[in-house]
Protein backbone atom coordinates (compact mmCIF):
# COMPACT_ATOMS: atom_id res chain seq x y z
CA UNK A 1 -0.20 0.01 0.42
CA UNK A 2 3.12 2.58 1.23
CA UNK A 3 4.51 1.85 -2.80
CA UNK A 4 1.29 2.25 -4.43
CA UNK A 5 1.00 6.05 -2.50
CA UNK A 6 4.42 6.63 -3.68
CA UNK A 7 3.80 6.03 -6.98
CA UNK A 8 0.62 8.37 -7.08
CA UNK A 9 2.38 11.10 -5.11
CA UNK A 10 4.97 11.38 -7.49
CA UNK A 11 3.31 11.18 -10.50
CA UNK A 12 0.61 14.09 -9.60
CA UNK A 13 3.92 16.12 -7.85
CA UNK A 14 4.59 16.68 -11.33
CA UNK A 15 8.01 16.07 -10.71
CA UNK A 16 9.00 14.34 -14.11
CA UNK A 17 7.49 17.38 -15.84
CA UNK A 18 10.70 19.21 -14.93
CA UNK A 19 13.50 17.97 -17.41
CA UNK A 20 10.73 18.69 -20.06
CA UNK A 21 10.32 22.43 -18.94
CA UNK A 22 13.74 23.33 -17.58
CA UNK A 23 14.36 26.01 -19.97
CA UNK A 24 11.09 27.66 -19.33
CA UNK A 25 12.05 27.14 -15.36
CA UNK A 26 15.36 28.93 -15.82
CA UNK A 27 13.97 31.50 -18.30
CA UNK A 28 11.10 32.43 -15.53
CA UNK A 29 14.27 32.57 -12.84
CA UNK A 30 15.71 34.99 -14.91
CA UNK A 31 18.82 32.66 -15.49
CA UNK A 32 19.94 33.74 -18.55
CA UNK A 33 23.66 33.02 -18.29
CA UNK A 34 23.92 28.81 -18.56
CA UNK A 35 23.19 27.56 -22.14
CA UNK A 36 20.79 24.79 -22.24
CA UNK A 37 23.41 22.31 -22.08
CA UNK A 38 24.58 23.37 -18.90
CA UNK A 39 21.14 23.68 -17.40
CA UNK A 40 20.34 20.16 -18.22
CA UNK A 41 23.42 18.94 -16.46
CA UNK A 42 23.40 20.94 -13.38
CA UNK A 43 19.64 19.46 -12.96
CA UNK A 44 20.66 15.87 -13.54
CA UNK A 45 23.56 16.33 -10.86
CA UNK A 46 21.07 17.50 -8.54
CA UNK A 47 18.79 14.43 -9.11
CA UNK A 48 22.01 12.47 -8.87
CA UNK A 49 22.81 13.99 -5.47
CA UNK A 50 19.92 13.74 -3.69
CA UNK A 51 18.68 10.30 -5.23
CA UNK A 52 22.48 8.68 -3.54
CA UNK A 53 21.27 10.81 -0.50
CA UNK A 54 18.17 8.93 -0.38
CA UNK A 55 19.80 6.05 -0.82
CA UNK A 56 21.95 6.57 1.97
CA UNK A 57 19.14 7.50 4.33
CA UNK A 58 17.09 4.58 3.35
CA UNK A 59 19.61 2.69 4.73
CA UNK A 60 19.84 4.49 7.93
CA UNK A 61 16.82 5.42 8.76
CA UNK A 62 14.80 2.11 7.48
CA UNK A 63 12.42 2.43 4.45
CA UNK A 64 9.00 2.08 5.97
CA UNK A 65 10.25 4.84 8.23
CA UNK A 66 11.23 6.88 5.22
CA UNK A 67 8.34 6.37 3.58
CA UNK A 68 5.85 7.01 5.72
CA UNK A 69 7.49 10.44 6.59
CA UNK A 70 7.54 11.74 2.84
CA UNK A 71 4.05 10.77 2.30
CA UNK A 72 3.16 13.08 5.40
CA UNK A 73 5.19 16.00 4.08
CA UNK A 74 4.13 15.75 0.34
CA UNK A 75 0.45 16.21 2.06
CA UNK A 76 1.01 18.46 4.26
CA UNK A 77 2.47 20.48 1.28
CA UNK A 78 -0.70 20.12 -0.82
CA UNK A 79 -2.53 21.78 1.63
CA UNK A 80 -0.85 25.08 1.95
CA UNK A 81 -3.42 27.68 2.03
CA UNK A 82 -1.34 29.78 -0.57
CA UNK A 83 -1.90 27.06 -3.78
CA UNK A 84 -5.24 25.55 -2.61
CA UNK A 85 -7.64 26.18 -5.25
CA UNK A 86 -6.05 28.27 -7.54
CA UNK A 87 -4.87 28.01 -11.08
CA UNK A 88 -1.43 26.76 -12.10
CA UNK A 89 -0.88 30.14 -14.06
CA UNK A 90 -1.56 32.00 -11.08
CA UNK A 91 0.70 29.84 -8.45
CA UNK A 92 3.57 30.67 -11.72
CA UNK A 93 2.47 34.43 -11.77
CA UNK A 94 3.07 34.72 -8.35
CA UNK A 95 6.51 32.83 -8.17
CA UNK A 96 7.85 35.27 -11.05
CA UNK A 97 6.64 38.45 -8.79
CA UNK A 98 8.75 37.16 -5.94
CA UNK A 99 12.04 36.04 -8.15
CA UNK A 100 11.88 38.45 -11.12
């Protein structure tokens, strides 16, 4: 049951869309000094580092405890009043206003 919940949360979080929209994400953050290749390498490197960190944490803490904490954290983040009931465009425009 936990494995199914993790797969569902992973898909609904949109993390798989980051590589597809990487150029747009960096453009919104006013990061125009890096080439597209460098941006992809930076995101891939961060993904690798945090994957290795996650593997180390799973070995130390335990898979069940780690996954239960992760699911609870994601559920809390989904219920932030700042994002509840708002469209993605509204959230993006607020993000651009704060960053840009």
